[in-house]
Amino acid sequence: MIPLREGPGAALCAPAPVAPDFVVVDVETACSRVSSICQIGVVGFRAGQEIFAYETLVDPCDDFSPFNTRIHGIRREHVAGQPNFADIHAIVDAHMAGRITVAHSFFDKGALSAACRVHARSAIETTWLDSVRVAKRAWPQLSSHRLNVLSQYLGISHKHHDALSDARAAGIVVVRAMEETGIDLAGWLTPAASRSSPAPRPAADGPLKGHRIAILGAARDGVLACMLAQAGARVVASVGTTTTILVVASDQPFGRFAHASPAYRRADELRRNGSPIEIVDEETLRHRIGAPTAGSPRASAKA
């Protein structure tokens, strides 16, 4: 059993005596259904310091996938006798509702929304801030903005795929980004002016000629998009009925849970309904068309 833990100077489950500037949430799930929350951590920050932490294991009322268990180590016997999401909804809502809530990618947002629906609880009304987007803007030079990579770069003590540790680390990332850039929370909530260019035009010929490819986790005008266009593909903005391939970029922010992203779920739904759309990872597609692997000098240079 993983016990509930307190943050510095805070009560265990009650809201902090001083309202946080923002809270951070992270969840682990038991299987591919994003509603299957089996652990949750919530951490509150004020003036750059942690002021409370809440963590509990959760009975997901669902199956445990060996794939998920290998990642976070939580098994069915660990959640025996633990509350289900309906039992803790009021506590989570008290910590998050009406506040700015940070999550490292919006996997956690989708998981909480799905759990509310499955357990017949009201949606948690909060203002979401994606710390992946914050990190990409604060440290654009990094090749990856996954939480474990950021923690190593910033010297944050971090146990990956532990909900409380992940929430705490994501909060510190936001604090450090504010210090690094001088952008306050209000600034981070305002989308940066888009500087992206249109998708590159497809070459007249190439191994991907005729394909309409959507990209999960990389810019539509970035290095991967240029490589696809040079191979003859038309890079599209989103997954639709005419999309032939969804390519999962090597640096996409969902990590091993890319299958929970909206684009992946849409592509999978189309595929199950008979659409010929294919879902492939970036390295597989590069190998298929004879392109250099991501990160190699040739792959890193735009045409």
Foldseek 3Di string as FASTA:
>chain_A
DDDWDWDPQADRQAAGPDQAQEKEKFFQAQDLPLLRTQKMKMWGHHPLDTRIITIDGAHSVDHGDPVSCVQQVDHNVNCVPPHHCVVCVVSVLNNFAPHEYEYQPCSVVVNQQSNCVVNVHDRRHHHYFHLLVLLCVQCVVDPASALVVVCVVVVNDADPNHTNRSRVSSSNSNSVSCVRPVQDPVRRSDDDPDPDDAADAADPAAPQAPAEEEEAADDSNDLLSLVNRPRRYHYDHADDLRHAEYEYEPRHHVPPSPCSDPRNVVQVVSVVVPRNHYYYYPQVVCVVRVHDGPPDPRSRDHD
